[in-house]
Amino acid sequence: MWLMNYITKNSISAPNAVKGSVNKNDNEGTAVVSSCEHKRLRFCLPYGLISIPPAGENAVVLPLDDGEVALGVIAENRELKPGELMLCSAGGASITLKNDGRVLVNGRELIV
């Protein structure tokens, strides 16, 4: 049993993810350019979120059995503390959930 586990674990090469720049988004899908161009990518996002990254963002692409998938874009730190969450658009709109329970919409506290 241990021999089979060892052989299986050490004989399968793991797929390598690559980082590249989002090149275009159109009705044929998203393209990311790294050492080559990855076309017609599907994005892997948490359920209920839909996003199409703008050109120029750095995306991570992972090969799968049936093609490739973009795992998302590499986020920049927007002065969030660990545990906080921000949704933002390319146009500058944002919603931030702070650790102390406050909700900021475009930087202003939402009063409920």
N, C-alpha and C. Protein backbone atom coordinates (compact mmCIF):
# COMPACT_ATOMS: atom_id res chain seq x y z
N MET A 1 0.83 -1.20 0.00
CA MET A 1 0.00 0.00 0.00
C MET A 1 0.86 1.25 0.00
N TRP A 2 1.86 1.32 0.87
CA TRP A 2 2.69 2.52 0.93
C TRP A 2 3.45 2.71 -0.38
N LEU A 3 3.83 1.60 -1.03
CA LEU A 3 4.55 1.70 -2.29
C LEU A 3 3.66 2.32 -3.38
N MET A 4 2.40 1.90 -3.45
CA MET A 4 1.46 2.46 -4.43
C MET A 4 1.24 3.95 -4.17
N ASN A 5 1.09 4.33 -2.90
CA ASN A 5 0.92 5.74 -2.56
C ASN A 5 2.15 6.55 -2.96
N TYR A 6 3.34 5.99 -2.70
CA TYR A 6 4.59 6.68 -3.04
C TYR A 6 4.71 6.87 -4.54
N ILE A 7 4.44 5.80 -5.30
CA ILE A 7 4.55 5.87 -6.76
C ILE A 7 3.55 6.88 -7.31
N THR A 8 2.32 6.82 -6.87
CA THR A 8 1.29 7.74 -7.33
C THR A 8 1.65 9.18 -7.00
N LYS A 9 2.08 9.41 -5.77
CA LYS A 9 2.40 10.75 -5.31
C LYS A 9 3.58 11.34 -6.07
N ASN A 10 4.56 10.52 -6.42
CA ASN A 10 5.79 11.02 -7.01
C ASN A 10 5.88 10.86 -8.53
N SER A 11 4.89 10.25 -9.15
CA SER A 11 4.97 10.06 -10.59
C SER A 11 4.06 10.99 -11.38
N ILE A 12 3.15 11.67 -10.72
CA ILE A 12 2.24 12.58 -11.40
C ILE A 12 2.77 13.99 -11.24
N SER A 13 3.04 14.64 -12.36
CA SER A 13 3.53 16.00 -12.25
C SER A 13 2.35 16.96 -12.11
N ALA A 14 2.45 17.83 -11.16
CA ALA A 14 1.39 18.80 -10.90
C ALA A 14 1.38 19.86 -11.99
N PRO A 15 0.19 20.34 -12.37
CA PRO A 15 0.14 21.41 -13.37
C PRO A 15 0.73 22.69 -12.79
N ASN A 16 1.36 23.46 -13.64
CA ASN A 16 1.97 24.70 -13.19
C ASN A 16 1.10 25.89 -13.57
N ALA A 17 0.81 26.72 -12.59
CA ALA A 17 0.08 27.96 -12.84
C ALA A 17 1.07 28.98 -13.38
N VAL A 18 0.58 29.89 -14.21
CA VAL A 18 1.42 30.96 -14.74
C VAL A 18 0.74 32.30 -14.49
N LYS A 19 1.55 33.34 -14.42
CA LYS A 19 1.04 34.70 -14.25
C LYS A 19 1.21 35.43 -15.57
N GLY A 20 0.20 36.18 -15.96
CA GLY A 20 0.30 36.96 -17.19
C GLY A 20 -0.61 38.17 -17.13
N SER A 21 -0.54 38.97 -18.16
CA SER A 21 -1.32 40.20 -18.23
C SER A 21 -2.58 39.96 -19.05
N VAL A 22 -3.73 40.44 -18.52
CA VAL A 22 -4.98 40.33 -19.26
C VAL A 22 -4.82 41.17 -20.52
N ASN A 23 -5.02 40.52 -21.66
CA ASN A 23 -4.79 41.16 -22.95
C ASN A 23 -6.08 41.72 -23.54
N LYS A 24 -7.15 40.94 -23.47
CA LYS A 24 -8.41 41.41 -24.03
C LYS A 24 -9.58 40.66 -23.42
N ASN A 25 -10.73 41.28 -23.49
CA ASN A 25 -12.01 40.68 -23.11
C ASN A 25 -12.98 41.01 -24.22
N ASP A 26 -13.54 39.99 -24.83
CA ASP A 26 -14.55 40.21 -25.86
C ASP A 26 -15.51 39.04 -25.86
N ASN A 27 -16.37 38.95 -26.88
CA ASN A 27 -17.35 37.86 -26.89
C ASN A 27 -16.72 36.50 -27.10
N GLU A 28 -15.43 36.43 -27.40
CA GLU A 28 -14.73 35.15 -27.48
C GLU A 28 -14.10 34.77 -26.14
N GLY A 29 -14.21 35.62 -25.16
CA GLY A 29 -13.67 35.32 -23.84
C GLY A 29 -12.51 36.23 -23.48
N THR A 30 -11.79 35.83 -22.45
CA THR A 30 -10.66 36.60 -21.94
C THR A 30 -9.36 35.96 -22.42
N ALA A 31 -8.39 36.79 -22.75
CA ALA A 31 -7.07 36.30 -23.13
C ALA A 31 -6.04 36.86 -22.17
N VAL A 32 -5.09 36.01 -21.77
CA VAL A 32 -4.01 36.40 -20.87
C VAL A 32 -2.69 36.06 -21.57
N VAL A 33 -1.75 37.00 -21.57
CA VAL A 33 -0.46 36.78 -22.19
C VAL A 33 0.59 36.60 -21.11
N SER A 34 1.27 35.44 -21.13
CA SER A 34 2.42 35.20 -20.27
C SER A 34 3.56 34.83 -21.22
N SER A 35 4.14 33.64 -21.10
CA SER A 35 5.14 33.21 -22.07
C SER A 35 4.47 32.84 -23.39
N CYS A 36 3.14 32.64 -23.36
CA CYS A 36 2.32 32.42 -24.56
C CYS A 36 0.96 33.05 -24.30
N GLU A 37 0.08 33.03 -25.28
CA GLU A 37 -1.25 33.61 -25.09
C GLU A 37 -2.24 32.51 -24.72
N HIS A 38 -2.98 32.73 -23.64
CA HIS A 38 -4.01 31.80 -23.17
C HIS A 38 -5.35 32.41 -23.56
N LYS A 39 -6.08 31.74 -24.46
CA LYS A 39 -7.31 32.31 -25.01
C LYS A 39 -8.55 31.62 -24.47
N ARG A 40 -9.68 32.32 -24.58
CA ARG A 40 -11.00 31.81 -24.21
C ARG A 40 -11.02 31.25 -22.78
N LEU A 41 -10.46 32.01 -21.87
CA LEU A 41 -10.37 31.56 -20.48
C LEU A 41 -11.70 31.69 -19.75
N ARG A 42 -11.96 30.74 -18.89
CA ARG A 42 -13.06 30.83 -17.94
C ARG A 42 -12.45 31.27 -16.62
N PHE A 43 -13.22 32.01 -15.83
CA PHE A 43 -12.70 32.47 -14.54
C PHE A 43 -13.26 31.65 -13.41
N CYS A 44 -12.43 31.37 -12.44
CA CYS A 44 -12.80 30.60 -11.26
C CYS A 44 -13.00 31.60 -10.11
N LEU A 45 -14.26 31.78 -9.70
CA LEU A 45 -14.60 32.75 -8.65
C LEU A 45 -15.52 32.09 -7.64
N PRO A 46 -15.59 32.62 -6.44
CA PRO A 46 -16.57 32.09 -5.47
C PRO A 46 -17.98 32.21 -6.03
N TYR A 47 -18.84 31.29 -5.65
CA TYR A 47 -20.22 31.29 -6.12
C TYR A 47 -20.89 32.63 -5.87
N GLY A 48 -21.60 33.11 -6.85
CA GLY A 48 -22.34 34.36 -6.72
C GLY A 48 -21.58 35.59 -7.16
N LEU A 49 -20.27 35.47 -7.40
CA LEU A 49 -19.48 36.60 -7.88
C LEU A 49 -19.20 36.42 -9.36
N ILE A 50 -19.36 37.48 -10.11
CA ILE A 50 -19.04 37.47 -11.52
C ILE A 50 -18.16 38.70 -11.77
N SER A 51 -17.05 38.49 -12.45
CA SER A 51 -16.14 39.59 -12.69
C SER A 51 -15.39 39.37 -13.99
N ILE A 52 -15.17 40.42 -14.73
CA ILE A 52 -14.34 40.38 -15.92
C ILE A 52 -13.24 41.41 -15.70
N PRO A 53 -12.00 40.97 -15.55
CA PRO A 53 -10.92 41.91 -15.25
C PRO A 53 -10.58 42.78 -16.45
N PRO A 54 -10.24 44.04 -16.20
CA PRO A 54 -9.84 44.91 -17.30
C PRO A 54 -8.46 44.55 -17.84
N ALA A 55 -8.20 44.94 -19.06
CA ALA A 55 -6.89 44.71 -19.67
C ALA A 55 -5.80 45.34 -18.80
N GLY A 56 -4.67 44.67 -18.73
CA GLY A 56 -3.53 45.16 -17.97
C GLY A 56 -3.39 44.57 -16.59
N GLU A 57 -4.47 43.98 -16.04
CA GLU A 57 -4.39 43.34 -14.72
C GLU A 57 -3.56 42.07 -14.83
N ASN A 58 -2.88 41.69 -13.74
CA ASN A 58 -2.12 40.45 -13.70
C ASN A 58 -3.02 39.32 -13.26
N ALA A 59 -3.20 38.32 -14.12
CA ALA A 59 -4.07 37.18 -13.82
C ALA A 59 -3.22 35.92 -13.67
N VAL A 60 -3.76 34.95 -12.94
CA VAL A 60 -3.11 33.65 -12.75
C VAL A 60 -3.91 32.61 -13.52
N VAL A 61 -3.24 31.86 -14.39
CA VAL A 61 -3.87 30.86 -15.25
C VAL A 61 -3.38 29.47 -14.83
N LEU A 62 -4.33 28.54 -14.73
CA LEU A 62 -4.01 27.17 -14.33
C LEU A 62 -4.54 26.20 -15.37
N PRO A 63 -3.68 25.29 -15.88
CA PRO A 63 -4.17 24.29 -16.83
C PRO A 63 -5.02 23.24 -16.13
N LEU A 64 -6.09 22.79 -16.80
CA LEU A 64 -6.96 21.73 -16.30
C LEU A 64 -7.04 20.63 -17.36
N ASP A 65 -7.71 19.55 -17.03
CA ASP A 65 -7.87 18.45 -17.99
C ASP A 65 -8.58 18.90 -19.26
N ASP A 66 -9.55 19.80 -19.13
CA ASP A 66 -10.37 20.19 -20.28
C ASP A 66 -10.10 21.62 -20.74
N GLY A 67 -8.90 22.11 -20.56
CA GLY A 67 -8.54 23.46 -20.97
C GLY A 67 -7.83 24.20 -19.86
N GLU A 68 -8.01 25.50 -19.83
CA GLU A 68 -7.37 26.32 -18.81
C GLU A 68 -8.43 27.17 -18.11
N VAL A 69 -8.11 27.58 -16.90
CA VAL A 69 -9.01 28.44 -16.13
C VAL A 69 -8.16 29.55 -15.51
N ALA A 70 -8.71 30.76 -15.47
CA ALA A 70 -8.05 31.87 -14.79
C ALA A 70 -8.53 31.85 -13.34
N LEU A 71 -7.60 31.81 -12.41
CA LEU A 71 -7.96 31.76 -11.00
C LEU A 71 -8.34 33.11 -10.44
N GLY A 72 -8.00 34.16 -11.14
CA GLY A 72 -8.32 35.51 -10.69
C GLY A 72 -7.16 36.44 -10.97
N VAL A 73 -7.25 37.64 -10.46
CA VAL A 73 -6.17 38.61 -10.64
C VAL A 73 -5.42 38.77 -9.32
N ILE A 74 -4.19 39.20 -9.43
CA ILE A 74 -3.37 39.41 -8.24
C ILE A 74 -3.76 40.76 -7.64
N ALA A 75 -4.30 40.71 -6.43
CA ALA A 75 -4.84 41.92 -5.79
C ALA A 75 -3.71 42.78 -5.23
N GLU A 76 -3.92 44.07 -5.28
CA GLU A 76 -2.99 44.99 -4.64
C GLU A 76 -3.52 45.31 -3.26
N ASN A 77 -2.64 45.55 -2.32
CA ASN A 77 -3.06 45.88 -0.96
C ASN A 77 -3.62 47.29 -0.95
N ARG A 78 -4.84 47.40 -0.53
CA ARG A 78 -5.51 48.71 -0.46
C ARG A 78 -5.65 49.13 0.99
N GLU A 79 -4.62 48.88 1.77
CA GLU A 79 -4.59 49.24 3.18
C GLU A 79 -5.69 48.55 3.97
N LEU A 80 -5.96 47.31 3.64
CA LEU A 80 -6.91 46.51 4.42
C LEU A 80 -6.16 45.81 5.53
N LYS A 81 -6.84 45.61 6.63
CA LYS A 81 -6.28 44.82 7.73
C LYS A 81 -6.70 43.37 7.53
N PRO A 82 -5.95 42.42 8.08
CA PRO A 82 -6.34 41.02 7.96
C PRO A 82 -7.78 40.82 8.44
N GLY A 83 -8.59 40.14 7.63
CA GLY A 83 -9.98 39.89 7.98
C GLY A 83 -10.97 40.84 7.34
N GLU A 84 -10.48 41.94 6.75
CA GLU A 84 -11.37 42.89 6.11
C GLU A 84 -11.55 42.50 4.64
N LEU A 85 -12.64 43.00 4.04
CA LEU A 85 -13.00 42.64 2.67
C LEU A 85 -13.39 43.88 1.89
N MET A 86 -12.94 43.93 0.64
CA MET A 86 -13.30 45.06 -0.22
C MET A 86 -13.73 44.54 -1.59
N LEU A 87 -14.85 45.06 -2.07
CA LEU A 87 -15.29 44.85 -3.45
C LEU A 87 -15.06 46.16 -4.16
N CYS A 88 -14.44 46.11 -5.33
CA CYS A 88 -14.20 47.36 -6.05
C CYS A 88 -14.33 47.15 -7.55
N SER A 89 -14.65 48.22 -8.24
CA SER A 89 -14.78 48.19 -9.70
C SER A 89 -13.64 48.98 -10.32
N ALA A 90 -13.47 48.79 -11.62
CA ALA A 90 -12.43 49.53 -12.34
C ALA A 90 -12.73 51.02 -12.34
N GLY A 91 -14.00 51.39 -12.21
CA GLY A 91 -14.40 52.80 -12.20
C GLY A 91 -14.16 53.51 -10.88
N GLY A 92 -13.78 52.76 -9.84
CA GLY A 92 -13.48 53.38 -8.56
C GLY A 92 -14.51 53.16 -7.47
N ALA A 93 -15.66 52.58 -7.79
CA ALA A 93 -16.66 52.31 -6.75
C ALA A 93 -16.15 51.21 -5.84
N SER A 94 -16.46 51.30 -4.55
CA SER A 94 -15.99 50.28 -3.61
C SER A 94 -16.95 50.11 -2.43
N ILE A 95 -16.95 48.90 -1.90
CA ILE A 95 -17.65 48.57 -0.66
C ILE A 95 -16.64 47.84 0.21
N THR A 96 -16.43 48.35 1.43
CA THR A 96 -15.45 47.75 2.34
C THR A 96 -16.14 47.31 3.62
N LEU A 97 -15.91 46.06 4.01
CA LEU A 97 -16.39 45.55 5.29
C LEU A 97 -15.23 45.58 6.27
N LYS A 98 -15.35 46.41 7.31
CA LYS A 98 -14.29 46.59 8.29
C LYS A 98 -14.44 45.60 9.44
N ASN A 99 -13.34 45.32 10.11
CA ASN A 99 -13.35 44.39 11.24
C ASN A 99 -14.22 44.86 12.40
N ASP A 100 -14.39 46.15 12.55
CA ASP A 100 -15.17 46.67 13.67
C ASP A 100 -16.68 46.73 13.36
N GLY A 101 -17.09 46.17 12.19
CA GLY A 101 -18.50 46.12 11.84
C GLY A 101 -18.97 47.24 10.93
N ARG A 102 -18.12 48.24 10.71
CA ARG A 102 -18.51 49.33 9.82
C ARG A 102 -18.52 48.87 8.37
N VAL A 103 -19.37 49.51 7.57
CA VAL A 103 -19.43 49.27 6.13
C VAL A 103 -19.13 50.61 5.46
N LEU A 104 -18.13 50.63 4.61
CA LEU A 104 -17.78 51.85 3.89
C LEU A 104 -18.19 51.70 2.43
N VAL A 105 -18.91 52.68 1.92
CA VAL A 105 -19.28 52.70 0.50
C VAL A 105 -18.53 53.89 -0.11
N ASN A 106 -17.67 53.62 -1.05
CA ASN A 106 -16.83 54.64 -1.66
C ASN A 106 -16.08 55.46 -0.61
N GLY A 107 -15.64 54.77 0.44
CA GLY A 107 -14.84 55.41 1.49
C GLY A 107 -15.64 56.08 2.59
N ARG A 108 -16.95 56.19 2.42
CA ARG A 108 -17.80 56.83 3.43
C ARG A 108 -18.57 55.77 4.21
N GLU A 109 -18.67 55.99 5.51
CA GLU A 109 -19.36 55.03 6.36
C GLU A 109 -20.86 55.01 6.06
N LEU A 110 -21.38 53.80 5.88
CA LEU A 110 -22.81 53.62 5.66
C LEU A 110 -23.49 53.58 7.02
N ILE A 111 -24.43 54.47 7.24
CA ILE A 111 -25.17 54.52 8.50
C ILE A 111 -26.52 53.82 8.25
N VAL A 112 -26.79 52.79 9.03
CA VAL A 112 -28.03 52.03 8.86
C VAL A 112 -29.05 52.40 9.90
